[in-house]
All heavy atoms as atom14 arrays in JSON, in Angstrom:
{
  "sequence": "KKIEAIIKPFKLDEVKDALHEIGLQGITVTEAKGFGRQRGHTELYR",
  "atom14_mask": [
    [1, 1, 1, 1, 1, 1, 1, 1, 1, 0, 0, 0, 0, 0],
    [1, 1, 1, 1, 1, 1, 1, 1, 1, 0, 0, 0, 0, 0],
    [1, 1, 1, 1, 1, 1, 1, 1, 0, 0, 0, 0, 0, 0],
    [1, 1, 1, 1, 1, 1, 1, 1, 1, 0, 0, 0, 0, 0],
    [1, 1, 1, 1, 1, 0, 0, 0, 0, 0, 0, 0, 0, 0],
    [1, 1, 1, 1, 1, 1, 1, 1, 0, 0, 0, 0, 0, 0],
    [1, 1, 1, 1, 1, 1, 1, 1, 0, 0, 0, 0, 0, 0],
    [1, 1, 1, 1, 1, 1, 1, 1, 1, 0, 0, 0, 0, 0],
    [1, 1, 1, 1, 1, 1, 1, 0, 0, 0, 0, 0, 0, 0],
    [1, 1, 1, 1, 1, 1, 1, 1, 1, 1, 1, 0, 0, 0],
    [1, 1, 1, 1, 1, 1, 1, 1, 1, 0, 0, 0, 0, 0],
    [1, 1, 1, 1, 1, 1, 1, 1, 0, 0, 0, 0, 0, 0],
    [1, 1, 1, 1, 1, 1, 1, 1, 0, 0, 0, 0, 0, 0],
    [1, 1, 1, 1, 1, 1, 1, 1, 1, 0, 0, 0, 0, 0],
    [1, 1, 1, 1, 1, 1, 1, 0, 0, 0, 0, 0, 0, 0],
    [1, 1, 1, 1, 1, 1, 1, 1, 1, 0, 0, 0, 0, 0],
    [1, 1, 1, 1, 1, 1, 1, 1, 0, 0, 0, 0, 0, 0],
    [1, 1, 1, 1, 1, 0, 0, 0, 0, 0, 0, 0, 0, 0],
    [1, 1, 1, 1, 1, 1, 1, 1, 0, 0, 0, 0, 0, 0],
    [1, 1, 1, 1, 1, 1, 1, 1, 1, 1, 0, 0, 0, 0],
    [1, 1, 1, 1, 1, 1, 1, 1, 1, 0, 0, 0, 0, 0],
    [1, 1, 1, 1, 1, 1, 1, 1, 0, 0, 0, 0, 0, 0],
    [1, 1, 1, 1, 0, 0, 0, 0, 0, 0, 0, 0, 0, 0],
    [1, 1, 1, 1, 1, 1, 1, 1, 0, 0, 0, 0, 0, 0],
    [1, 1, 1, 1, 1, 1, 1, 1, 1, 0, 0, 0, 0, 0],
    [1, 1, 1, 1, 0, 0, 0, 0, 0, 0, 0, 0, 0, 0],
    [1, 1, 1, 1, 1, 1, 1, 1, 0, 0, 0, 0, 0, 0],
    [1, 1, 1, 1, 1, 1, 1, 0, 0, 0, 0, 0, 0, 0],
    [1, 1, 1, 1, 1, 1, 1, 0, 0, 0, 0, 0, 0, 0],
    [1, 1, 1, 1, 1, 1, 1, 0, 0, 0, 0, 0, 0, 0],
    [1, 1, 1, 1, 1, 1, 1, 1, 1, 0, 0, 0, 0, 0],
    [1, 1, 1, 1, 1, 0, 0, 0, 0, 0, 0, 0, 0, 0],
    [1, 1, 1, 1, 1, 1, 1, 1, 1, 0, 0, 0, 0, 0],
    [1, 1, 1, 1, 0, 0, 0, 0, 0, 0, 0, 0, 0, 0],
    [1, 1, 1, 1, 1, 1, 1, 1, 1, 1, 1, 0, 0, 0],
    [1, 1, 1, 1, 0, 0, 0, 0, 0, 0, 0, 0, 0, 0],
    [1, 1, 1, 1, 1, 1, 1, 1, 1, 1, 1, 0, 0, 0],
    [1, 1, 1, 1, 1, 1, 1, 1, 1, 0, 0, 0, 0, 0],
    [1, 1, 1, 1, 1, 1, 1, 1, 1, 1, 1, 0, 0, 0],
    [1, 1, 1, 1, 0, 0, 0, 0, 0, 0, 0, 0, 0, 0],
    [1, 1, 1, 1, 1, 1, 1, 1, 1, 1, 0, 0, 0, 0],
    [1, 1, 1, 1, 1, 1, 1, 0, 0, 0, 0, 0, 0, 0],
    [1, 1, 1, 1, 1, 1, 1, 1, 1, 0, 0, 0, 0, 0],
    [1, 1, 1, 1, 1, 1, 1, 1, 0, 0, 0, 0, 0, 0],
    [1, 1, 1, 1, 1, 1, 1, 1, 1, 1, 1, 1, 0, 0],
    [1, 1, 1, 1, 1, 1, 1, 1, 1, 1, 1, 0, 0, 0]
  ],
  "atom14_positions": [
    [[101.35, 110.41, 114.67], [100.9, 109.1, 114.2], [102.09, 108.19, 113.96], [103.21, 108.66, 113.73], [100.12, 109.22, 112.89], [98.89, 110.08, 112.95], [97.78, 109.41, 113.67], [96.52, 110.28, 113.56], [95.57, 110.01, 114.59], [0.0, 0.0, 0.0], [0.0, 0.0, 0.0], [0.0, 0.0, 0.0], [0.0, 0.0, 0.0], [0.0, 0.0, 0.0]],
    [[101.82, 106.9, 113.99], [102.82, 105.9, 113.63], [102.29, 105.17, 112.41], [101.17, 104.67, 112.42], [103.03, 104.91, 114.77], [104.02, 103.81, 114.42], [104.18, 102.85, 115.61], [105.23, 101.82, 115.33], [105.42, 100.92, 116.48], [0.0, 0.0, 0.0], [0.0, 0.0, 0.0], [0.0, 0.0, 0.0], [0.0, 0.0, 0.0], [0.0, 0.0, 0.0]],
    [[103.11, 105.13, 111.37], [102.76, 104.36, 110.17], [103.63, 103.11, 110.17], [104.85, 103.21, 110.3], [103.02, 105.17, 108.89], [102.09, 106.38, 108.82], [102.85, 104.28, 107.66], [102.33, 107.26, 107.61], [0.0, 0.0, 0.0], [0.0, 0.0, 0.0], [0.0, 0.0, 0.0], [0.0, 0.0, 0.0], [0.0, 0.0, 0.0], [0.0, 0.0, 0.0]],
    [[102.98, 101.97, 110.06], [103.69, 100.7, 109.89], [103.28, 100.18, 108.52], [102.1, 100.04, 108.23], [103.3, 99.69, 110.96], [103.76, 100.07, 112.34], [103.29, 99.07, 113.38], [103.97, 98.05, 113.56], [102.22, 99.31, 113.97], [0.0, 0.0, 0.0], [0.0, 0.0, 0.0], [0.0, 0.0, 0.0], [0.0, 0.0, 0.0], [0.0, 0.0, 0.0]],
    [[104.26, 99.92, 107.69], [103.98, 99.41, 106.35], [104.72, 98.09, 106.18], [105.91, 98.0, 106.44], [104.43, 100.41, 105.29], [0.0, 0.0, 0.0], [0.0, 0.0, 0.0], [0.0, 0.0, 0.0], [0.0, 0.0, 0.0], [0.0, 0.0, 0.0], [0.0, 0.0, 0.0], [0.0, 0.0, 0.0], [0.0, 0.0, 0.0], [0.0, 0.0, 0.0]],
    [[103.99, 97.07, 105.74], [104.57, 95.78, 105.42], [104.63, 95.71, 103.89], [103.59, 95.78, 103.24], [103.71, 94.62, 105.96], [103.34, 94.82, 107.43], [104.4, 93.28, 105.72], [104.51, 94.84, 108.38], [0.0, 0.0, 0.0], [0.0, 0.0, 0.0], [0.0, 0.0, 0.0], [0.0, 0.0, 0.0], [0.0, 0.0, 0.0], [0.0, 0.0, 0.0]],
    [[105.85, 95.59, 103.36], [106.02, 95.63, 101.91], [106.92, 94.49, 101.43], [107.56, 93.82, 102.23], [106.59, 96.98, 101.43], [108.01, 97.19, 102.0], [105.67, 98.12, 101.82], [108.73, 98.36, 101.39], [0.0, 0.0, 0.0], [0.0, 0.0, 0.0], [0.0, 0.0, 0.0], [0.0, 0.0, 0.0], [0.0, 0.0, 0.0], [0.0, 0.0, 0.0]],
    [[106.99, 94.34, 100.11], [107.91, 93.37, 99.52], [109.33, 93.91, 99.64], [109.56, 95.11, 99.44], [107.56, 93.13, 98.06], [106.23, 92.42, 97.89], [105.92, 92.17, 96.43], [104.63, 91.36, 96.31], [104.32, 91.01, 94.93], [0.0, 0.0, 0.0], [0.0, 0.0, 0.0], [0.0, 0.0, 0.0], [0.0, 0.0, 0.0], [0.0, 0.0, 0.0]],
    [[110.29, 93.05, 99.99], [111.66, 93.53, 100.23], [112.3, 94.3, 99.08], [113.0, 95.28, 99.29], [112.44, 92.24, 100.52], [111.42, 91.27, 100.98], [110.15, 91.63, 100.26], [0.0, 0.0, 0.0], [0.0, 0.0, 0.0], [0.0, 0.0, 0.0], [0.0, 0.0, 0.0], [0.0, 0.0, 0.0], [0.0, 0.0, 0.0], [0.0, 0.0, 0.0]],
    [[112.04, 93.89, 97.84], [112.69, 94.55, 96.72], [112.14, 95.96, 96.46], [112.69, 96.71, 95.65], [112.61, 93.7, 95.44], [111.23, 93.51, 94.89], [110.7, 94.41, 93.99], [110.46, 92.41, 95.27], [109.42, 94.24, 93.46], [109.18, 92.23, 94.75], [108.67, 93.14, 93.84], [0.0, 0.0, 0.0], [0.0, 0.0, 0.0], [0.0, 0.0, 0.0]],
    [[111.09, 96.35, 97.17], [110.51, 97.69, 97.02], [111.04, 98.67, 98.07], [110.69, 99.86, 98.05], [108.98, 97.62, 97.13], [108.32, 97.04, 95.9], [108.53, 97.98, 94.74], [107.6, 97.72, 93.59], [107.71, 98.78, 92.59], [0.0, 0.0, 0.0], [0.0, 0.0, 0.0], [0.0, 0.0, 0.0], [0.0, 0.0, 0.0], [0.0, 0.0, 0.0]],
    [[111.89, 98.21, 98.97], [112.36, 99.06, 100.07], [113.05, 100.33, 99.59], [112.75, 101.42, 100.07], [113.29, 98.26, 101.0], [113.88, 99.07, 102.16], [112.8, 99.66, 103.04], [114.82, 98.18, 102.97], [0.0, 0.0, 0.0], [0.0, 0.0, 0.0], [0.0, 0.0, 0.0], [0.0, 0.0, 0.0], [0.0, 0.0, 0.0], [0.0, 0.0, 0.0]],
    [[113.98, 100.21, 98.67], [114.71, 101.4, 98.21], [113.78, 102.43, 97.56], [113.93, 103.63, 97.78], [115.82, 101.01, 97.23], [117.01, 100.38, 97.93], [117.2, 100.65, 99.14], [117.74, 99.62, 97.28], [0.0, 0.0, 0.0], [0.0, 0.0, 0.0], [0.0, 0.0, 0.0], [0.0, 0.0, 0.0], [0.0, 0.0, 0.0], [0.0, 0.0, 0.0]],
    [[112.81, 101.95, 96.8], [111.86, 102.87, 96.16], [111.02, 103.6, 97.21], [110.77, 104.8, 97.09], [110.95, 102.11, 95.19], [111.66, 101.6, 93.96], [110.75, 100.78, 93.06], [109.63, 101.26, 92.76], [111.15, 99.67, 92.67], [0.0, 0.0, 0.0], [0.0, 0.0, 0.0], [0.0, 0.0, 0.0], [0.0, 0.0, 0.0], [0.0, 0.0, 0.0]],
    [[110.57, 102.87, 98.23], [109.77, 103.48, 99.3], [110.61, 104.47, 100.08], [110.17, 105.59, 100.36], [109.16, 102.4, 100.22], [108.52, 103.03, 101.44], [108.14, 101.56, 99.45], [0.0, 0.0, 0.0], [0.0, 0.0, 0.0], [0.0, 0.0, 0.0], [0.0, 0.0, 0.0], [0.0, 0.0, 0.0], [0.0, 0.0, 0.0], [0.0, 0.0, 0.0]],
    [[111.83, 104.09, 100.42], [112.73, 104.98, 101.16], [112.97, 106.27, 100.38], [112.89, 107.36, 100.94], [114.06, 104.27, 101.43], [115.05, 105.1, 102.23], [116.37, 104.38, 102.38], [117.0, 104.25, 101.03], [118.35, 104.56, 100.83], [0.0, 0.0, 0.0], [0.0, 0.0, 0.0], [0.0, 0.0, 0.0], [0.0, 0.0, 0.0], [0.0, 0.0, 0.0]],
    [[113.22, 106.16, 99.08], [113.44, 107.34, 98.24], [112.18, 108.21, 98.16], [112.26, 109.44, 98.22], [113.88, 106.93, 96.84], [115.27, 106.31, 96.82], [116.02, 106.48, 97.81], [115.61, 105.65, 95.81], [0.0, 0.0, 0.0], [0.0, 0.0, 0.0], [0.0, 0.0, 0.0], [0.0, 0.0, 0.0], [0.0, 0.0, 0.0], [0.0, 0.0, 0.0]],
    [[111.03, 107.58, 98.05], [109.77, 108.33, 97.97], [109.51, 109.1, 99.27], [109.06, 110.25, 99.24], [108.61, 107.38, 97.67], [0.0, 0.0, 0.0], [0.0, 0.0, 0.0], [0.0, 0.0, 0.0], [0.0, 0.0, 0.0], [0.0, 0.0, 0.0], [0.0, 0.0, 0.0], [0.0, 0.0, 0.0], [0.0, 0.0, 0.0], [0.0, 0.0, 0.0]],
    [[109.81, 108.49, 100.4], [109.62, 109.16, 101.7], [110.62, 110.31, 101.84], [110.29, 111.37, 102.37], [109.76, 108.16, 102.84], [108.63, 107.14, 102.94], [108.97, 106.06, 103.95], [107.31, 107.82, 103.31], [0.0, 0.0, 0.0], [0.0, 0.0, 0.0], [0.0, 0.0, 0.0], [0.0, 0.0, 0.0], [0.0, 0.0, 0.0], [0.0, 0.0, 0.0]],
    [[111.84, 110.09, 101.38], [112.85, 111.14, 101.45], [112.44, 112.35, 100.59], [112.65, 113.49, 100.98], [114.2, 110.59, 101.0], [115.32, 111.57, 101.14], [115.8, 111.96, 102.38], [116.04, 112.26, 100.22], [116.76, 112.84, 102.19], [116.93, 113.04, 100.89], [0.0, 0.0, 0.0], [0.0, 0.0, 0.0], [0.0, 0.0, 0.0], [0.0, 0.0, 0.0]],
    [[111.83, 112.09, 99.44], [111.39, 113.16, 98.54], [110.33, 114.05, 99.16], [110.26, 115.24, 98.84], [110.86, 112.58, 97.23], [111.94, 112.12, 96.29], [111.38, 111.54, 94.99], [110.23, 111.9, 94.62], [112.08, 110.74, 94.37], [0.0, 0.0, 0.0], [0.0, 0.0, 0.0], [0.0, 0.0, 0.0], [0.0, 0.0, 0.0], [0.0, 0.0, 0.0]],
    [[109.49, 113.5, 100.05], [108.46, 114.34, 100.68], [108.94, 114.94, 102.0], [108.17, 115.56, 102.72], [107.13, 113.56, 100.89], [107.3, 112.39, 101.85], [106.55, 113.13, 99.56], [105.99, 111.82, 102.35], [0.0, 0.0, 0.0], [0.0, 0.0, 0.0], [0.0, 0.0, 0.0], [0.0, 0.0, 0.0], [0.0, 0.0, 0.0], [0.0, 0.0, 0.0]],
    [[110.22, 114.72, 102.32], [110.81, 115.39, 103.48], [110.89, 114.58, 104.75], [111.25, 115.12, 105.79], [0.0, 0.0, 0.0], [0.0, 0.0, 0.0], [0.0, 0.0, 0.0], [0.0, 0.0, 0.0], [0.0, 0.0, 0.0], [0.0, 0.0, 0.0], [0.0, 0.0, 0.0], [0.0, 0.0, 0.0], [0.0, 0.0, 0.0], [0.0, 0.0, 0.0]],
    [[110.56, 113.3, 104.7], [110.68, 112.46, 105.9], [112.09, 111.9, 105.98], [112.62, 111.39, 105.0], [109.66, 111.32, 105.86], [108.21, 111.76, 105.97], [107.28, 110.58, 105.84], [107.94, 112.48, 107.26], [0.0, 0.0, 0.0], [0.0, 0.0, 0.0], [0.0, 0.0, 0.0], [0.0, 0.0, 0.0], [0.0, 0.0, 0.0], [0.0, 0.0, 0.0]],
    [[112.69, 111.99, 107.16], [114.08, 111.59, 107.29], [114.26, 110.27, 108.01], [115.05, 109.44, 107.6], [114.86, 112.68, 108.02], [114.87, 113.97, 107.24], [115.52, 115.08, 108.02], [115.82, 114.94, 109.18], [115.72, 116.22, 107.37], [0.0, 0.0, 0.0], [0.0, 0.0, 0.0], [0.0, 0.0, 0.0], [0.0, 0.0, 0.0], [0.0, 0.0, 0.0]],
    [[113.58, 110.06, 109.1], [113.85, 108.89, 109.92], [112.84, 107.78, 109.72], [111.63, 107.99, 109.8], [0.0, 0.0, 0.0], [0.0, 0.0, 0.0], [0.0, 0.0, 0.0], [0.0, 0.0, 0.0], [0.0, 0.0, 0.0], [0.0, 0.0, 0.0], [0.0, 0.0, 0.0], [0.0, 0.0, 0.0], [0.0, 0.0, 0.0], [0.0, 0.0, 0.0]],
    [[113.35, 106.58, 109.43], [112.49, 105.4, 109.36], [113.22, 104.25, 110.05], [114.44, 104.25, 110.15], [112.11, 105.0, 107.92], [113.33, 104.54, 107.12], [111.41, 106.12, 107.2], [112.97, 103.94, 105.76], [0.0, 0.0, 0.0], [0.0, 0.0, 0.0], [0.0, 0.0, 0.0], [0.0, 0.0, 0.0], [0.0, 0.0, 0.0], [0.0, 0.0, 0.0]],
    [[112.45, 103.31, 110.51], [113.0, 102.08, 111.07], [112.56, 100.94, 110.17], [111.39, 100.86, 109.8], [112.47, 101.84, 112.51], [112.85, 102.95, 113.31], [113.04, 100.57, 113.09], [0.0, 0.0, 0.0], [0.0, 0.0, 0.0], [0.0, 0.0, 0.0], [0.0, 0.0, 0.0], [0.0, 0.0, 0.0], [0.0, 0.0, 0.0], [0.0, 0.0, 0.0]],
    [[113.49, 100.08, 109.82], [113.2, 98.96, 108.92], [113.55, 97.66, 109.63], [114.61, 97.53, 110.22], [114.02, 99.08, 107.62], [113.77, 97.89, 106.71], [113.67, 100.37, 106.9], [0.0, 0.0, 0.0], [0.0, 0.0, 0.0], [0.0, 0.0, 0.0], [0.0, 0.0, 0.0], [0.0, 0.0, 0.0], [0.0, 0.0, 0.0], [0.0, 0.0, 0.0]],
    [[112.63, 96.71, 109.56], [112.81, 95.39, 110.16], [112.51, 94.33, 109.13], [111.52, 94.43, 108.41], [111.84, 95.2, 111.35], [111.95, 96.31, 112.23], [112.14, 93.92, 112.1], [0.0, 0.0, 0.0], [0.0, 0.0, 0.0], [0.0, 0.0, 0.0], [0.0, 0.0, 0.0], [0.0, 0.0, 0.0], [0.0, 0.0, 0.0], [0.0, 0.0, 0.0]],
    [[113.36, 93.31, 109.06], [113.05, 92.17, 108.2], [111.98, 91.35, 108.89], [112.04, 91.12, 110.09], [114.29, 91.32, 107.96], [115.32, 92.0, 107.08], [116.51, 91.11, 106.78], [116.42, 89.88, 106.96], [117.53, 91.66, 106.38], [0.0, 0.0, 0.0], [0.0, 0.0, 0.0], [0.0, 0.0, 0.0], [0.0, 0.0, 0.0], [0.0, 0.0, 0.0]],
    [[111.0, 90.91, 108.13], [109.87, 90.17, 108.69], [109.49, 89.03, 107.77], [109.92, 88.98, 106.61], [108.68, 91.1, 108.89], [0.0, 0.0, 0.0], [0.0, 0.0, 0.0], [0.0, 0.0, 0.0], [0.0, 0.0, 0.0], [0.0, 0.0, 0.0], [0.0, 0.0, 0.0], [0.0, 0.0, 0.0], [0.0, 0.0, 0.0], [0.0, 0.0, 0.0]],
    [[108.7, 88.11, 108.3], [108.14, 87.04, 107.49], [106.66, 86.96, 107.82], [106.25, 87.17, 108.95], [108.8, 85.7, 107.81], [110.23, 85.62, 107.34], [110.8, 84.26, 107.57], [112.22, 84.21, 107.05], [112.77, 82.87, 107.08], [0.0, 0.0, 0.0], [0.0, 0.0, 0.0], [0.0, 0.0, 0.0], [0.0, 0.0, 0.0], [0.0, 0.0, 0.0]],
    [[105.86, 86.63, 106.81], [104.43, 86.52, 107.06], [103.69, 86.14, 105.8], [104.29, 85.91, 104.75], [0.0, 0.0, 0.0], [0.0, 0.0, 0.0], [0.0, 0.0, 0.0], [0.0, 0.0, 0.0], [0.0, 0.0, 0.0], [0.0, 0.0, 0.0], [0.0, 0.0, 0.0], [0.0, 0.0, 0.0], [0.0, 0.0, 0.0], [0.0, 0.0, 0.0]],
    [[102.38, 86.08, 105.94], [101.54, 85.82, 104.78], [100.17, 86.4, 105.03], [99.77, 86.61, 106.16], [101.43, 84.32, 104.46], [100.76, 83.5, 105.53], [99.38, 83.35, 105.54], [101.5, 82.88, 106.5], [98.76, 82.59, 106.52], [100.89, 82.12, 107.49], [99.52, 81.98, 107.49], [0.0, 0.0, 0.0], [0.0, 0.0, 0.0], [0.0, 0.0, 0.0]],
    [[99.5, 86.68, 103.95], [98.13, 87.18, 104.01], [97.24, 86.21, 103.29], [97.31, 85.01, 103.5], [0.0, 0.0, 0.0], [0.0, 0.0, 0.0], [0.0, 0.0, 0.0], [0.0, 0.0, 0.0], [0.0, 0.0, 0.0], [0.0, 0.0, 0.0], [0.0, 0.0, 0.0], [0.0, 0.0, 0.0], [0.0, 0.0, 0.0], [0.0, 0.0, 0.0]],
    [[96.47, 86.74, 102.37], [95.53, 85.89, 101.63], [96.22, 84.88, 100.72], [95.67, 83.85, 100.41], [94.62, 86.76, 100.78], [93.67, 87.57, 101.61], [92.71, 88.33, 100.75], [91.83, 89.12, 101.58], [91.17, 90.16, 101.14], [91.28, 90.55, 99.9], [90.39, 90.83, 101.95], [0.0, 0.0, 0.0], [0.0, 0.0, 0.0], [0.0, 0.0, 0.0]],
    [[97.46, 85.19, 100.31], [98.11, 84.28, 99.37], [98.54, 82.97, 100.04], [98.82, 81.99, 99.37], [99.3, 84.95, 98.67], [100.57, 85.0, 99.48], [100.74, 86.29, 100.27], [99.78, 86.94, 100.65], [101.97, 86.65, 100.52], [0.0, 0.0, 0.0], [0.0, 0.0, 0.0], [0.0, 0.0, 0.0], [0.0, 0.0, 0.0], [0.0, 0.0, 0.0]],
    [[98.63, 82.94, 101.36], [98.93, 81.72, 102.11], [100.23, 81.05, 101.69], [100.37, 79.83, 101.73], [97.81, 80.69, 101.98], [96.5, 81.15, 102.53], [96.42, 80.8, 103.99], [95.09, 81.03, 104.47], [94.82, 81.85, 105.47], [95.77, 82.5, 106.06], [93.59, 82.01, 105.86], [0.0, 0.0, 0.0], [0.0, 0.0, 0.0], [0.0, 0.0, 0.0]],
    [[101.2, 81.81, 101.25], [102.49, 81.24, 100.86], [102.42, 80.6, 99.49], [101.52, 80.85, 98.71], [0.0, 0.0, 0.0], [0.0, 0.0, 0.0], [0.0, 0.0, 0.0], [0.0, 0.0, 0.0], [0.0, 0.0, 0.0], [0.0, 0.0, 0.0], [0.0, 0.0, 0.0], [0.0, 0.0, 0.0], [0.0, 0.0, 0.0], [0.0, 0.0, 0.0]],
    [[103.41, 79.75, 99.2], [103.45, 79.08, 97.91], [104.28, 77.81, 98.03], [104.93, 77.57, 99.03], [104.04, 80.01, 96.85], [105.46, 80.42, 97.12], [105.79, 81.45, 97.96], [106.63, 79.9, 96.68], [107.11, 81.56, 98.02], [107.64, 80.64, 97.25], [0.0, 0.0, 0.0], [0.0, 0.0, 0.0], [0.0, 0.0, 0.0], [0.0, 0.0, 0.0]],
    [[104.24, 76.98, 97.0], [105.03, 75.75, 97.01], [106.29, 75.95, 96.16], [106.27, 76.69, 95.18], [104.24, 74.55, 96.46], [103.83, 74.86, 95.13], [103.02, 74.26, 97.31], [0.0, 0.0, 0.0], [0.0, 0.0, 0.0], [0.0, 0.0, 0.0], [0.0, 0.0, 0.0], [0.0, 0.0, 0.0], [0.0, 0.0, 0.0], [0.0, 0.0, 0.0]],
    [[107.36, 75.31, 96.58], [108.62, 75.37, 95.84], [109.16, 73.97, 95.68], [108.81, 73.05, 96.43], [109.64, 76.23, 96.58], [109.34, 77.71, 96.52], [110.47, 78.57, 97.06], [111.55, 78.03, 97.37], [110.26, 79.78, 97.18], [0.0, 0.0, 0.0], [0.0, 0.0, 0.0], [0.0, 0.0, 0.0], [0.0, 0.0, 0.0], [0.0, 0.0, 0.0]],
    [[110.04, 73.81, 94.72], [110.68, 72.53, 94.45], [112.15, 72.65, 94.84], [112.84, 73.57, 94.41], [110.57, 72.2, 92.95], [110.47, 70.73, 92.57], [109.3, 70.07, 93.26], [110.36, 70.61, 91.07], [0.0, 0.0, 0.0], [0.0, 0.0, 0.0], [0.0, 0.0, 0.0], [0.0, 0.0, 0.0], [0.0, 0.0, 0.0], [0.0, 0.0, 0.0]],
    [[112.63, 71.76, 95.7], [114.02, 71.77, 96.11], [114.57, 70.36, 96.04], [114.08, 69.47, 96.73], [114.17, 72.33, 97.53], [115.59, 72.36, 98.03], [116.5, 73.29, 97.53], [116.02, 71.46, 99.0], [117.81, 73.31, 97.98], [117.32, 71.48, 99.45], [118.22, 72.41, 98.94], [119.52, 72.44, 99.38], [0.0, 0.0, 0.0], [0.0, 0.0, 0.0]],
    [[115.55, 70.15, 95.17], [116.15, 68.82, 94.97], [115.11, 67.74, 94.73], [115.16, 66.65, 95.32], [117.05, 68.46, 96.15], [118.24, 69.37, 96.27], [119.23, 68.87, 97.27], [120.4, 69.75, 97.27], [121.45, 69.56, 98.02], [121.5, 68.52, 98.83], [122.46, 70.39, 97.98], [0.0, 0.0, 0.0], [0.0, 0.0, 0.0], [0.0, 0.0, 0.0]]
  ]
}
C-alpha cells in the first residue's frame, strides 16, 4: 500500500518519530500548499 498524508508542517517531526517507533524507515516528504474546508484565511500586511 501507499499512504499519503497531508499534515501541518510543524507536526512533521512528531509524525516522523512516531513512524520510526513502529519500525518504518523510509518516507518521502514534500512541501505542499492547499486548503480544505477552511478555505484559507485573511492576514494583515502593512
